[in-house]
């Protein structure tokens, strides 16, 4: 076994190990609204669901090297609202391009060719091309020396037509193709899926398992 004392290595080394080993991670493409009225969009892979009652999601944002806040963090601290979008293969390239360092007066949505739509419950816009959007208000925040961790309470969800059956409360996973962050600059697709049997020796087809969800 390779043993590593986390007290004996640098923060960057800890980041490299954790970010490359705790994979795959879902990607949140987060829209916020600046004090100047400009819509900002940025991807974050330190993101996940936290709970359902209340419905919470979490995003973790690092500070810039000079100590300044990223636009997303500054905007959430300013007005307490944001929209978390899940990204599929169709908008994967645009999601990645939103991570570039645009000035605050430039909207990433316009720069990469994504379409802003009015949200239902918050001021930051939704992204028309995204398969899923969770409209959130700030529920709680955690501040560390290097990061802000924001917990968002989901008020409203919008999903691409046909993705969610609200009678059976099922997601059509056969047509849902989210991308996830892997180590370094790599992403992965979710097309190669397999199912675990409920008991040893039982074989379950992936399509059958998906249909049960």
Protein backbone atom coordinates (compact mmCIF):
# COMPACT_ATOMS: atom_id res chain seq x y z
CA UNK A 1 0.00 0.00 0.00
CA UNK A 2 1.07 3.57 -0.68
CA UNK A 3 0.65 5.51 2.56
CA UNK A 4 0.41 9.32 2.59
CA UNK A 5 0.42 11.57 5.66
CA UNK A 6 -1.81 14.48 4.67
CA UNK A 7 -0.21 16.67 7.33
CA UNK A 8 3.17 16.25 5.60
CA UNK A 9 2.20 17.36 2.08
CA UNK A 10 1.14 20.68 0.60
CA UNK A 11 -2.43 21.80 -0.07
CA UNK A 12 -1.76 21.52 -3.81
CA UNK A 13 -0.55 17.94 -3.41
CA UNK A 14 -3.64 17.08 -1.39
CA UNK A 15 -5.80 18.64 -4.11
CA UNK A 16 -4.07 16.65 -6.85
CA UNK A 17 -4.53 13.38 -5.02
CA UNK A 18 -8.13 13.93 -3.98
CA UNK A 19 -9.32 15.45 -7.27
CA UNK A 20 -7.76 12.63 -9.29
CA UNK A 21 -8.92 9.78 -7.05
CA UNK A 22 -12.42 10.86 -6.01
CA UNK A 23 -13.88 10.41 -9.48
CA UNK A 24 -16.04 10.56 -11.45
CA UNK A 25 -17.67 13.72 -10.16
CA UNK A 26 -20.84 15.32 -11.56
CA UNK A 27 -20.41 18.77 -13.05
CA UNK A 28 -22.56 21.72 -12.04
CA UNK A 29 -22.78 24.57 -14.53
CA UNK A 30 -23.83 27.38 -12.21
CA UNK A 31 -25.44 30.63 -13.29
CA UNK A 32 -25.45 33.67 -11.02
CA UNK A 33 -26.27 37.33 -11.46
CA UNK A 34 -23.64 39.99 -10.79
CA UNK A 35 -24.29 43.31 -9.09
CA UNK A 36 -23.77 44.81 -12.57
CA UNK A 37 -26.70 42.76 -13.92
CA UNK A 38 -24.49 40.47 -16.02
CA UNK A 39 -25.30 36.76 -15.99
CA UNK A 40 -22.30 34.63 -15.08
CA UNK A 41 -21.88 30.91 -15.81
CA UNK A 42 -19.11 28.65 -14.51
CA UNK A 43 -18.58 24.88 -14.15
CA UNK A 44 -17.70 23.21 -10.83
CA UNK A 45 -17.04 19.54 -10.23
CA UNK A 46 -16.80 19.75 -6.45
CA UNK A 47 -20.56 19.41 -6.43
CA UNK A 48 -23.22 16.96 -5.36
CA UNK A 49 -26.62 16.35 -3.84
CA UNK A 50 -26.67 16.66 -0.05
CA UNK A 51 -30.23 15.75 0.93
CA UNK A 52 -33.90 15.83 0.01
CA UNK A 53 -35.67 17.25 3.08
CA UNK A 54 -34.84 20.05 2.70
CA UNK A 55 -33.64 19.52 -0.90
CA UNK A 56 -30.00 20.61 -0.82
CA UNK A 57 -27.12 20.68 -3.27
CA UNK A 58 -23.53 21.68 -2.54
CA UNK A 59 -20.90 23.48 -4.61
CA UNK A 60 -17.36 24.17 -3.44
CA UNK A 61 -15.48 27.14 -4.94
CA UNK A 62 -11.81 27.85 -4.47
CA UNK A 63 -10.41 31.33 -3.97
CA UNK A 64 -8.18 32.75 -6.69
CA UNK A 65 -4.42 32.79 -6.14
CA UNK A 66 -4.44 36.46 -5.16
CA UNK A 67 -7.20 35.84 -2.61
CA UNK A 68 -9.99 37.34 -4.69
CA UNK A 69 -13.33 35.60 -5.00
CA UNK A 70 -14.50 34.02 -8.19
CA UNK A 71 -17.45 35.81 -9.76
CA UNK A 72 -19.77 32.95 -8.83
CA UNK A 73 -18.85 33.19 -5.14
CA UNK A 74 -19.08 36.97 -5.11
CA UNK A 75 -22.50 36.88 -6.76
CA UNK A 76 -23.91 34.25 -4.39
CA UNK A 77 -22.66 36.20 -1.39
CA UNK A 78 -24.22 39.34 -2.87
CA UNK A 79 -27.75 38.09 -3.57
CA UNK A 80 -27.98 34.49 -2.29
CA UNK A 81 -29.33 32.99 -5.51
CA UNK A 82 -27.98 30.61 -8.14
CA UNK A 83 -29.07 27.98 -10.65
CA UNK A 84 -27.32 24.61 -10.88
CA UNK A 85 -27.45 22.95 -14.30
CA UNK A 86 -26.46 19.39 -15.06
CA UNK A 87 -24.53 18.96 -18.28
CA UNK A 88 -24.82 16.32 -20.96
CA UNK A 89 -22.67 15.54 -23.97
CA UNK A 90 -24.57 17.99 -26.17
CA UNK A 91 -23.35 21.00 -24.16
CA UNK A 92 -20.11 19.49 -22.82
CA UNK A 93 -17.85 21.71 -24.91
CA UNK A 94 -19.72 24.87 -23.97
CA UNK A 95 -19.72 23.89 -20.31
CA UNK A 96 -15.93 23.48 -20.43
CA UNK A 97 -15.49 26.81 -22.23
CA UNK A 98 -17.45 28.60 -19.49
CA UNK A 99 -14.47 27.88 -17.24
CA UNK A 100 -12.33 30.45 -19.04
CA UNK A 101 -11.42 33.67 -17.23
CA UNK A 102 -13.88 36.14 -18.72
CA UNK A 103 -14.06 39.65 -17.20
CA UNK A 104 -17.09 40.34 -14.96
CA UNK A 105 -18.75 42.52 -17.60
CA UNK A 106 -18.81 39.63 -20.12
CA UNK A 107 -21.50 36.95 -19.86
CA UNK A 108 -20.14 33.46 -20.43
CA UNK A 109 -23.51 32.45 -21.82
CA UNK A 110 -23.21 34.85 -24.72
CA UNK A 111 -19.51 34.14 -25.18
CA UNK A 112 -19.97 30.38 -25.64
CA UNK A 113 -23.35 30.48 -27.40
CA UNK A 114 -25.74 29.31 -24.68
CA UNK A 115 -29.26 30.70 -24.36
CA UNK A 116 -30.47 32.41 -21.18
CA UNK A 117 -34.08 31.89 -20.10
CA UNK A 118 -35.89 33.56 -17.18
CA UNK A 119 -35.95 31.39 -14.07
CA UNK A 120 -39.20 30.73 -12.24
CA UNK A 121 -38.20 31.61 -8.65
CA UNK A 122 -34.78 33.33 -8.72
CA UNK A 123 -33.16 36.17 -10.65
CA UNK A 124 -30.21 34.33 -12.27
CA UNK A 125 -31.26 32.85 -15.60
CA UNK A 126 -31.61 29.23 -16.59
CA UNK A 127 -29.78 27.76 -19.57
CA UNK A 128 -32.15 26.60 -22.29
CA UNK A 129 -29.81 23.93 -23.64
CA UNK A 130 -29.15 22.23 -20.27
CA UNK A 131 -31.09 19.01 -19.59
CA UNK A 132 -31.75 19.90 -15.94
CA UNK A 133 -31.80 23.13 -13.93
CA UNK A 134 -32.21 23.46 -10.17
CA UNK A 135 -33.14 26.95 -9.01
CA UNK A 136 -31.54 27.53 -5.59
CA UNK A 137 -31.35 30.01 -2.76
CA UNK A 138 -28.43 30.01 -0.35
CA UNK A 139 -29.28 27.78 2.61
CA UNK A 140 -25.93 27.86 4.40
CA UNK A 141 -22.27 28.56 3.68
CA UNK A 142 -19.01 27.19 5.01
CA UNK A 143 -15.82 29.22 4.69
CA UNK A 144 -12.32 27.74 4.88
CA UNK A 145 -8.91 29.28 4.22
CA UNK A 146 -9.06 28.18 0.59
CA UNK A 147 -12.76 27.81 -0.27
CA UNK A 148 -16.35 28.80 0.05
CA UNK A 149 -18.77 25.87 0.26
CA UNK A 150 -22.33 26.86 -0.59
CA UNK A 151 -25.38 24.77 0.26
CA UNK A 152 -28.27 25.64 -2.00
CA UNK A 153 -31.91 24.87 -1.18
CA UNK A 154 -33.70 23.85 -4.34
CA UNK A 155 -36.92 25.77 -4.94
CA UNK A 156 -37.73 24.71 -8.49
CA UNK A 157 -36.56 22.22 -11.09
CA UNK A 158 -36.86 22.37 -14.86
CA UNK A 159 -36.03 19.35 -17.04
CA UNK A 160 -35.85 18.76 -20.75
CA UNK A 161 -39.15 17.55 -22.22
CA UNK A 162 -39.42 13.77 -21.93
CA UNK A 163 -36.65 13.36 -19.37
CA UNK A 164 -38.83 13.18 -16.24
CA UNK A 165 -42.11 11.31 -15.83
CA UNK A 166 -43.92 13.20 -13.06
CA UNK A 167 -46.66 10.56 -12.83
CA UNK A 168 -44.30 7.69 -11.97
CA UNK A 169 -41.53 10.02 -10.68
CA UNK A 170 -38.96 8.32 -12.86
CA UNK A 171 -36.13 9.70 -14.96
CA UNK A 172 -35.64 8.35 -18.47
CA UNK A 173 -32.05 7.28 -17.90
CA UNK A 174 -31.82 5.71 -21.35
CA UNK A 175 -31.83 9.17 -22.95
CA UNK A 176 -29.94 10.97 -20.17
CA UNK A 177 -26.23 11.28 -21.03
CA UNK A 178 -24.54 13.49 -18.41
CA UNK A 179 -20.81 14.03 -18.49
CA UNK A 180 -18.64 13.75 -15.39
CA UNK A 181 -15.24 15.11 -14.41
CA UNK A 182 -12.34 12.69 -14.26
CA UNK A 183 -8.75 13.50 -13.26
CA UNK A 184 -6.82 16.47 -14.70
CA UNK A 185 -8.61 17.83 -17.79
CA UNK A 186 -10.45 14.61 -18.57
CA UNK A 187 -14.19 14.05 -18.66
CA UNK A 188 -16.08 10.79 -19.08
CA UNK A 189 -19.37 9.78 -20.69
CA UNK A 190 -22.06 7.71 -18.99
CA UNK A 191 -22.97 5.49 -21.91
CA UNK A 192 -21.26 2.32 -20.66
CA UNK A 193 -23.50 1.27 -17.77
CA UNK A 194 -23.87 -1.95 -15.83
CA UNK A 195 -26.12 -3.17 -13.05
CA UNK A 196 -25.38 -5.06 -9.85
CA UNK A 197 -27.62 -8.03 -9.07
CA UNK A 198 -29.57 -8.00 -5.81
CA UNK A 199 -27.98 -11.32 -4.81
CA UNK A 200 -24.78 -13.18 -5.82
CA UNK A 201 -25.21 -15.24 -8.94
CA UNK A 202 -28.10 -13.22 -10.31
CA UNK A 203 -27.63 -11.51 -13.65
CA UNK A 204 -29.47 -8.27 -14.35
CA UNK A 205 -29.41 -6.54 -17.72
CA UNK A 206 -28.49 -2.88 -17.52
CA UNK A 207 -31.58 -1.91 -19.50
CA UNK A 208 -33.83 -3.77 -17.04
CA UNK A 209 -32.19 -2.12 -14.03
CA UNK A 210 -32.50 1.32 -15.61
CA UNK A 211 -36.18 0.75 -16.33
CA UNK A 212 -36.76 0.12 -12.61
CA UNK A 213 -35.38 3.50 -11.54
